[in-house]
């Protein structure tokens, strides 16, 4: 198997992050048009943000938390040449789960759905780390 195949899900995850950043920018522009003073963004305090801006900000911040472990496991898999089809499949499943989580969080924000997709992505990430560990121990 070509080891570079493990990198494609990382590119997709980065694209998801860029999309969330664009969504956040759109929300902030909308808030300014609706009356939020632009000087709020100098220090990010001093006004009450609309809920949709808080929601988009929280989600964008989330994409720099657990997904960091995803990028690390992908990089380690590539560097150690330990990537296999199972790891690539788990990586794509993780990106898919995070994509669904993003869609739920930024749109309907149904807490139960969001929780289950988050837990699914968490389980997939744990499986990726476990699978890589086993592959490296052989």
N, C-alpha and C. Protein backbone atom coordinates (compact mmCIF):
# COMPACT_ATOMS: atom_id res chain seq x y z
N UNK A 1 0.84 -1.19 0.00
CA UNK A 1 0.00 0.00 0.00
C UNK A 1 0.89 1.25 0.00
N UNK A 2 0.48 2.26 -0.78
CA UNK A 2 1.20 3.54 -0.77
C UNK A 2 0.96 4.24 0.56
N UNK A 3 2.02 4.58 1.25
CA UNK A 3 1.92 5.21 2.56
C UNK A 3 1.28 6.60 2.50
N UNK A 4 1.37 7.24 1.36
CA UNK A 4 0.80 8.58 1.24
C UNK A 4 -0.73 8.57 1.35
N UNK A 5 -1.35 7.41 1.19
CA UNK A 5 -2.81 7.33 1.30
C UNK A 5 -3.30 7.75 2.68
N UNK A 6 -2.46 7.59 3.70
CA UNK A 6 -2.86 7.99 5.06
C UNK A 6 -2.92 9.51 5.20
N UNK A 7 -2.27 10.22 4.28
CA UNK A 7 -2.24 11.69 4.37
C UNK A 7 -3.51 12.34 3.84
N UNK A 8 -4.22 11.67 2.94
CA UNK A 8 -5.42 12.29 2.34
C UNK A 8 -6.50 12.63 3.35
N UNK A 9 -6.77 11.76 4.34
CA UNK A 9 -7.75 12.17 5.35
C UNK A 9 -7.31 13.41 6.14
N UNK A 10 -6.00 13.59 6.32
CA UNK A 10 -5.52 14.79 7.01
C UNK A 10 -5.80 16.04 6.17
N UNK A 11 -5.63 15.93 4.86
CA UNK A 11 -5.97 17.05 3.98
C UNK A 11 -7.46 17.36 4.08
N UNK A 12 -8.28 16.32 4.13
CA UNK A 12 -9.73 16.52 4.24
C UNK A 12 -10.09 17.16 5.58
N UNK A 13 -9.40 16.76 6.64
CA UNK A 13 -9.65 17.35 7.96
C UNK A 13 -9.24 18.82 7.97
N UNK A 14 -8.14 19.13 7.31
CA UNK A 14 -7.72 20.53 7.20
C UNK A 14 -8.75 21.34 6.43
N UNK A 15 -9.27 20.75 5.36
CA UNK A 15 -10.32 21.43 4.58
C UNK A 15 -11.54 21.70 5.44
N UNK A 16 -11.93 20.74 6.27
CA UNK A 16 -13.06 20.93 7.18
C UNK A 16 -12.78 22.10 8.12
N UNK A 17 -11.56 22.21 8.60
CA UNK A 17 -11.19 23.32 9.48
C UNK A 17 -11.28 24.65 8.75
N UNK A 18 -10.82 24.68 7.49
CA UNK A 18 -10.91 25.91 6.70
C UNK A 18 -12.37 26.31 6.46
N UNK A 19 -13.22 25.32 6.24
CA UNK A 19 -14.65 25.59 6.05
C UNK A 19 -15.25 26.16 7.32
N UNK A 20 -14.89 25.59 8.47
CA UNK A 20 -15.39 26.11 9.75
C UNK A 20 -14.89 27.53 10.00
N UNK A 21 -13.66 27.83 9.57
CA UNK A 21 -13.12 29.19 9.72
C UNK A 21 -13.91 30.17 8.85
N UNK A 22 -14.23 29.76 7.64
CA UNK A 22 -15.03 30.62 6.75
C UNK A 22 -16.42 30.83 7.34
N UNK A 23 -17.00 29.78 7.91
CA UNK A 23 -18.32 29.89 8.54
C UNK A 23 -18.25 30.90 9.70
N UNK A 24 -17.20 30.80 10.51
CA UNK A 24 -17.01 31.72 11.63
C UNK A 24 -16.88 33.16 11.14
N UNK A 25 -16.10 33.37 10.10
CA UNK A 25 -15.95 34.71 9.54
C UNK A 25 -17.30 35.25 9.08
N UNK A 26 -18.07 34.41 8.41
CA UNK A 26 -19.40 34.81 7.94
C UNK A 26 -20.29 35.20 9.12
N UNK A 27 -20.22 34.43 10.20
CA UNK A 27 -21.03 34.73 11.40
C UNK A 27 -20.60 36.05 12.03
N UNK A 28 -19.29 36.29 12.08
CA UNK A 28 -18.80 37.54 12.67
C UNK A 28 -19.19 38.75 11.82
N UNK A 29 -19.11 38.62 10.52
CA UNK A 29 -19.53 39.72 9.64
C UNK A 29 -21.01 39.99 9.83
N UNK A 30 -21.80 38.94 9.91
CA UNK A 30 -23.24 39.10 10.13
C UNK A 30 -23.51 39.82 11.45
N UNK A 31 -22.76 39.46 12.50
CA UNK A 31 -22.95 40.09 13.81
C UNK A 31 -22.63 41.58 13.76
N UNK A 32 -21.58 41.94 13.03
CA UNK A 32 -21.23 43.35 12.88
C UNK A 32 -22.32 44.09 12.12
N UNK A 33 -22.83 43.46 11.07
CA UNK A 33 -23.92 44.09 10.30
C UNK A 33 -25.17 44.26 11.14
N UNK A 34 -25.34 43.38 12.14
CA UNK A 34 -26.53 43.46 13.00
C UNK A 34 -26.30 44.36 14.22
N UNK A 35 -25.12 44.99 14.29
CA UNK A 35 -24.93 45.98 15.36
C UNK A 35 -23.77 45.74 16.31
N UNK A 36 -23.10 44.61 16.25
CA UNK A 36 -21.95 44.39 17.12
C UNK A 36 -20.83 45.33 16.70
N UNK A 37 -20.24 46.00 17.66
CA UNK A 37 -19.16 46.93 17.33
C UNK A 37 -17.91 46.15 16.88
N UNK A 38 -17.32 46.52 15.76
CA UNK A 38 -16.14 45.80 15.26
C UNK A 38 -14.96 45.85 16.22
N UNK A 39 -14.92 46.85 17.10
CA UNK A 39 -13.80 46.92 18.05
C UNK A 39 -13.83 45.78 19.06
N UNK A 40 -14.95 45.08 19.16
CA UNK A 40 -15.02 43.91 20.03
C UNK A 40 -13.87 42.94 19.70
N UNK A 41 -13.56 42.81 18.44
CA UNK A 41 -12.60 41.79 18.00
C UNK A 41 -11.14 42.18 18.26
N UNK A 42 -10.90 43.39 18.77
CA UNK A 42 -9.53 43.75 19.15
C UNK A 42 -9.03 42.85 20.27
N UNK A 43 -9.86 42.69 21.30
CA UNK A 43 -9.49 41.88 22.47
C UNK A 43 -10.47 40.75 22.73
N UNK A 44 -11.48 40.63 21.89
CA UNK A 44 -12.51 39.60 22.03
C UNK A 44 -13.22 39.66 23.38
N UNK A 45 -13.53 40.86 23.82
CA UNK A 45 -14.40 41.03 24.98
C UNK A 45 -14.97 42.44 24.98
N UNK A 46 -15.97 42.62 25.82
CA UNK A 46 -16.57 43.94 25.91
C UNK A 46 -17.99 44.02 25.40
N UNK A 47 -18.49 42.94 24.83
CA UNK A 47 -19.87 42.93 24.34
C UNK A 47 -20.40 41.51 24.44
N UNK A 48 -21.71 41.40 24.43
CA UNK A 48 -22.32 40.07 24.40
C UNK A 48 -22.48 39.64 22.95
N UNK A 49 -21.86 38.52 22.63
CA UNK A 49 -21.94 38.00 21.26
C UNK A 49 -23.27 37.30 21.04
N UNK A 50 -23.78 37.34 19.83
CA UNK A 50 -24.96 36.53 19.51
C UNK A 50 -24.62 35.04 19.65
N UNK A 51 -25.61 34.24 19.99
CA UNK A 51 -25.37 32.81 20.20
C UNK A 51 -24.74 32.14 18.99
N UNK A 52 -25.15 32.53 17.77
CA UNK A 52 -24.61 31.86 16.59
C UNK A 52 -23.11 32.13 16.42
N UNK A 53 -22.62 33.27 16.91
CA UNK A 53 -21.17 33.54 16.86
C UNK A 53 -20.45 32.72 17.92
N UNK A 54 -21.02 32.65 19.11
CA UNK A 54 -20.43 31.84 20.18
C UNK A 54 -20.35 30.37 19.73
N UNK A 55 -21.41 29.89 19.15
CA UNK A 55 -21.47 28.50 18.67
C UNK A 55 -20.40 28.24 17.61
N UNK A 56 -20.27 29.11 16.64
CA UNK A 56 -19.26 28.94 15.59
C UNK A 56 -17.85 29.04 16.16
N UNK A 57 -17.65 29.95 17.11
CA UNK A 57 -16.34 30.11 17.74
C UNK A 57 -15.96 28.87 18.51
N UNK A 58 -16.91 28.34 19.29
CA UNK A 58 -16.64 27.12 20.06
C UNK A 58 -16.29 25.96 19.14
N UNK A 59 -17.01 25.85 18.05
CA UNK A 59 -16.74 24.74 17.15
C UNK A 59 -15.37 24.88 16.50
N UNK A 60 -15.06 26.08 16.06
CA UNK A 60 -13.74 26.31 15.46
C UNK A 60 -12.64 25.97 16.46
N UNK A 61 -12.80 26.41 17.70
CA UNK A 61 -11.82 26.08 18.74
C UNK A 61 -11.71 24.57 18.94
N UNK A 62 -12.84 23.87 18.89
CA UNK A 62 -12.84 22.41 19.06
C UNK A 62 -11.99 21.72 18.00
N UNK A 63 -11.91 22.31 16.81
CA UNK A 63 -11.14 21.69 15.73
C UNK A 63 -9.63 21.77 15.96
N UNK A 64 -9.21 22.42 17.05
CA UNK A 64 -7.80 22.47 17.41
C UNK A 64 -7.54 21.73 18.71
N UNK A 65 -8.49 20.90 19.11
CA UNK A 65 -8.33 20.12 20.33
C UNK A 65 -8.10 18.65 19.95
N UNK A 66 -9.13 17.82 19.97
CA UNK A 66 -8.95 16.39 19.65
C UNK A 66 -8.39 16.13 18.25
N UNK A 67 -8.79 16.89 17.24
CA UNK A 67 -8.20 16.63 15.92
C UNK A 67 -6.67 16.75 15.90
N UNK A 68 -6.10 17.46 16.85
CA UNK A 68 -4.65 17.52 16.93
C UNK A 68 -4.07 16.11 17.10
N UNK A 69 -4.72 15.30 17.92
CA UNK A 69 -4.28 13.90 18.10
C UNK A 69 -4.45 13.10 16.81
N UNK A 70 -5.44 13.47 16.01
CA UNK A 70 -5.62 12.83 14.70
C UNK A 70 -4.44 13.14 13.80
N UNK A 71 -4.06 14.41 13.74
CA UNK A 71 -2.92 14.79 12.89
C UNK A 71 -1.64 14.10 13.35
N UNK A 72 -1.48 13.95 14.66
CA UNK A 72 -0.28 13.30 15.18
C UNK A 72 -0.25 11.82 14.80
N UNK A 73 -1.36 11.11 14.97
CA UNK A 73 -1.38 9.69 14.65
C UNK A 73 -1.20 9.46 13.15
N UNK A 74 -1.76 10.34 12.34
CA UNK A 74 -1.57 10.23 10.89
C UNK A 74 -0.10 10.45 10.54
N UNK A 75 0.50 11.48 11.12
CA UNK A 75 1.91 11.78 10.85
C UNK A 75 2.81 10.63 11.31
N UNK A 76 2.56 10.11 12.50
CA UNK A 76 3.36 8.99 13.00
C UNK A 76 3.20 7.75 12.11
N UNK A 77 1.99 7.52 11.64
CA UNK A 77 1.74 6.38 10.75
C UNK A 77 2.55 6.52 9.46
N UNK A 78 2.59 7.71 8.96
CA UNK A 78 3.32 7.96 7.71
C UNK A 78 4.83 7.87 7.92
N UNK A 79 5.31 8.52 8.95
CA UNK A 79 6.76 8.56 9.20
C UNK A 79 7.31 7.17 9.50
N UNK A 80 6.56 6.38 10.24
CA UNK A 80 7.03 5.03 10.58
C UNK A 80 6.68 3.99 9.52
N UNK A 81 5.99 4.45 8.46
CA UNK A 81 5.58 3.55 7.37
C UNK A 81 4.69 2.41 7.89
N UNK A 82 3.87 2.72 8.90
CA UNK A 82 3.00 1.73 9.52
C UNK A 82 1.56 1.81 9.03
N UNK A 83 1.28 2.72 8.12
CA UNK A 83 -0.10 2.86 7.64
C UNK A 83 -0.49 1.63 6.84
N UNK A 84 -1.70 1.15 7.07
CA UNK A 84 -2.26 0.06 6.29
C UNK A 84 -3.70 0.42 5.96
N UNK A 85 -4.38 -0.48 5.25
CA UNK A 85 -5.75 -0.18 4.81
C UNK A 85 -6.69 0.07 5.99
N UNK A 86 -6.51 -0.67 7.07
CA UNK A 86 -7.37 -0.48 8.23
C UNK A 86 -7.20 0.92 8.83
N UNK A 87 -5.97 1.36 8.93
CA UNK A 87 -5.71 2.68 9.48
C UNK A 87 -6.24 3.79 8.56
N UNK A 88 -6.09 3.59 7.26
CA UNK A 88 -6.64 4.56 6.31
C UNK A 88 -8.16 4.61 6.43
N UNK A 89 -8.79 3.45 6.55
CA UNK A 89 -10.25 3.41 6.69
C UNK A 89 -10.69 4.09 7.99
N UNK A 90 -9.98 3.83 9.08
CA UNK A 90 -10.30 4.49 10.35
C UNK A 90 -10.13 6.00 10.24
N UNK A 91 -9.10 6.44 9.54
CA UNK A 91 -8.86 7.87 9.37
C UNK A 91 -10.00 8.52 8.59
N UNK A 92 -10.42 7.89 7.50
CA UNK A 92 -11.54 8.44 6.73
C UNK A 92 -12.83 8.42 7.55
N UNK A 93 -13.04 7.38 8.33
CA UNK A 93 -14.23 7.32 9.18
C UNK A 93 -14.20 8.45 10.22
N UNK A 94 -13.02 8.73 10.77
CA UNK A 94 -12.87 9.83 11.72
C UNK A 94 -13.24 11.16 11.07
N UNK A 95 -12.69 11.40 9.89
CA UNK A 95 -13.00 12.65 9.18
C UNK A 95 -14.50 12.74 8.89
N UNK A 96 -15.10 11.64 8.49
CA UNK A 96 -16.54 11.62 8.24
C UNK A 96 -17.33 11.96 9.49
N UNK A 97 -16.94 11.36 10.61
CA UNK A 97 -17.63 11.63 11.88
C UNK A 97 -17.47 13.09 12.28
N UNK A 98 -16.28 13.64 12.08
CA UNK A 98 -16.06 15.05 12.40
C UNK A 98 -16.84 15.96 11.45
N UNK A 99 -16.98 15.54 10.21
CA UNK A 99 -17.79 16.31 9.27
C UNK A 99 -19.25 16.35 9.68
N UNK A 100 -19.77 15.20 10.09
CA UNK A 100 -21.15 15.15 10.58
C UNK A 100 -21.28 15.99 11.84
N UNK A 101 -20.31 15.88 12.74
CA UNK A 101 -20.32 16.67 13.97
C UNK A 101 -20.34 18.17 13.66
N UNK A 102 -19.53 18.58 12.69
CA UNK A 102 -19.50 19.98 12.28
C UNK A 102 -20.85 20.43 11.76
N UNK A 103 -21.44 19.62 10.91
CA UNK A 103 -22.74 19.96 10.34
C UNK A 103 -23.79 20.10 11.44
N UNK A 104 -23.80 19.18 12.38
CA UNK A 104 -24.78 19.25 13.47
C UNK A 104 -24.52 20.47 14.34
N UNK A 105 -23.26 20.67 14.71
CA UNK A 105 -22.94 21.77 15.63
C UNK A 105 -23.24 23.14 15.03
N UNK A 106 -22.97 23.30 13.76
CA UNK A 106 -23.15 24.62 13.15
C UNK A 106 -24.54 24.84 12.58
N UNK A 107 -25.35 23.82 12.55
CA UNK A 107 -26.70 23.99 12.00
C UNK A 107 -27.77 23.74 13.06
N UNK A 108 -28.24 22.51 13.20
CA UNK A 108 -29.34 22.22 14.12
C UNK A 108 -28.90 22.26 15.58
N UNK A 109 -27.66 21.91 15.84
CA UNK A 109 -27.07 21.84 17.18
C UNK A 109 -27.89 20.95 18.12
N UNK A 110 -28.41 19.86 17.58
CA UNK A 110 -29.14 18.88 18.41
C UNK A 110 -28.12 18.19 19.31
N UNK A 111 -28.24 18.41 20.59
CA UNK A 111 -27.22 17.97 21.54
C UNK A 111 -27.02 16.46 21.53
N UNK A 112 -28.08 15.70 21.49
CA UNK A 112 -27.94 14.23 21.52
C UNK A 112 -27.20 13.73 20.28
N UNK A 113 -27.56 14.24 19.11
CA UNK A 113 -26.89 13.84 17.86
C UNK A 113 -25.42 14.24 17.91
N UNK A 114 -25.20 15.46 18.38
CA UNK A 114 -23.83 15.97 18.46
C UNK A 114 -23.00 15.12 19.40
N UNK A 115 -23.59 14.73 20.54
CA UNK A 115 -22.87 13.90 21.51
C UNK A 115 -22.49 12.56 20.89
N UNK A 116 -23.42 11.92 20.19
CA UNK A 116 -23.14 10.60 19.62
C UNK A 116 -22.10 10.67 18.50
N UNK A 117 -22.14 11.72 17.71
CA UNK A 117 -21.12 11.83 16.66
C UNK A 117 -19.76 12.15 17.27
N UNK A 118 -19.75 12.95 18.33
CA UNK A 118 -18.49 13.24 19.02
C UNK A 118 -17.92 11.95 19.61
N UNK A 119 -18.77 11.19 20.30
CA UNK A 119 -18.29 9.94 20.91
C UNK A 119 -17.82 8.95 19.84
N UNK A 120 -18.47 8.94 18.70
CA UNK A 120 -18.02 8.07 17.60
C UNK A 120 -16.65 8.50 17.11
N UNK A 121 -16.46 9.80 16.93
CA UNK A 121 -15.15 10.27 16.47
C UNK A 121 -14.08 9.99 17.52
N UNK A 122 -14.44 10.13 18.78
CA UNK A 122 -13.51 9.83 19.87
C UNK A 122 -13.09 8.36 19.84
N UNK A 123 -14.08 7.47 19.69
CA UNK A 123 -13.79 6.03 19.64
C UNK A 123 -12.92 5.69 18.43
N UNK A 124 -13.19 6.30 17.30
CA UNK A 124 -12.37 6.06 16.10
C UNK A 124 -10.93 6.52 16.32
N UNK A 125 -10.76 7.64 16.99
CA UNK A 125 -9.42 8.14 17.26
C UNK A 125 -8.66 7.21 18.21
N UNK A 126 -9.34 6.73 19.23
CA UNK A 126 -8.72 5.76 20.15
C UNK A 126 -8.33 4.50 19.39
N UNK A 127 -9.21 4.03 18.52
CA UNK A 127 -8.89 2.85 17.70
C UNK A 127 -7.68 3.09 16.80
N UNK A 128 -7.59 4.28 16.24
CA UNK A 128 -6.42 4.59 15.40
C UNK A 128 -5.13 4.51 16.20
N UNK A 129 -5.13 5.09 17.38
CA UNK A 129 -3.94 5.04 18.22
C UNK A 129 -3.61 3.61 18.65
N UNK A 130 -4.64 2.86 19.02
CA UNK A 130 -4.42 1.46 19.41
C UNK A 130 -3.89 0.63 18.25
N UNK A 131 -4.48 0.81 17.07
CA UNK A 131 -4.05 0.07 15.89
C UNK A 131 -2.60 0.39 15.54
N UNK A 132 -2.25 1.67 15.59
CA UNK A 132 -0.87 2.07 15.30
C UNK A 132 0.09 1.47 16.32
N UNK A 133 -0.29 1.51 17.58
CA UNK A 133 0.56 0.94 18.63
C UNK A 133 0.82 -0.54 18.37
N UNK A 134 -0.24 -1.27 18.06
CA UNK A 134 -0.09 -2.71 17.77
C UNK A 134 0.79 -2.93 16.55
N UNK A 135 0.60 -2.15 15.51
CA UNK A 135 1.41 -2.29 14.30
C UNK A 135 2.88 -2.02 14.59
N UNK A 136 3.16 -1.07 15.45
CA UNK A 136 4.55 -0.74 15.75
C UNK A 136 5.18 -1.76 16.71
N UNK A 137 4.38 -2.44 17.48
CA UNK A 137 4.91 -3.43 18.42
C UNK A 137 5.28 -4.74 17.73
N UNK A 138 4.73 -4.98 16.54
CA UNK A 138 5.04 -6.23 15.83
C UNK A 138 6.43 -6.20 15.27
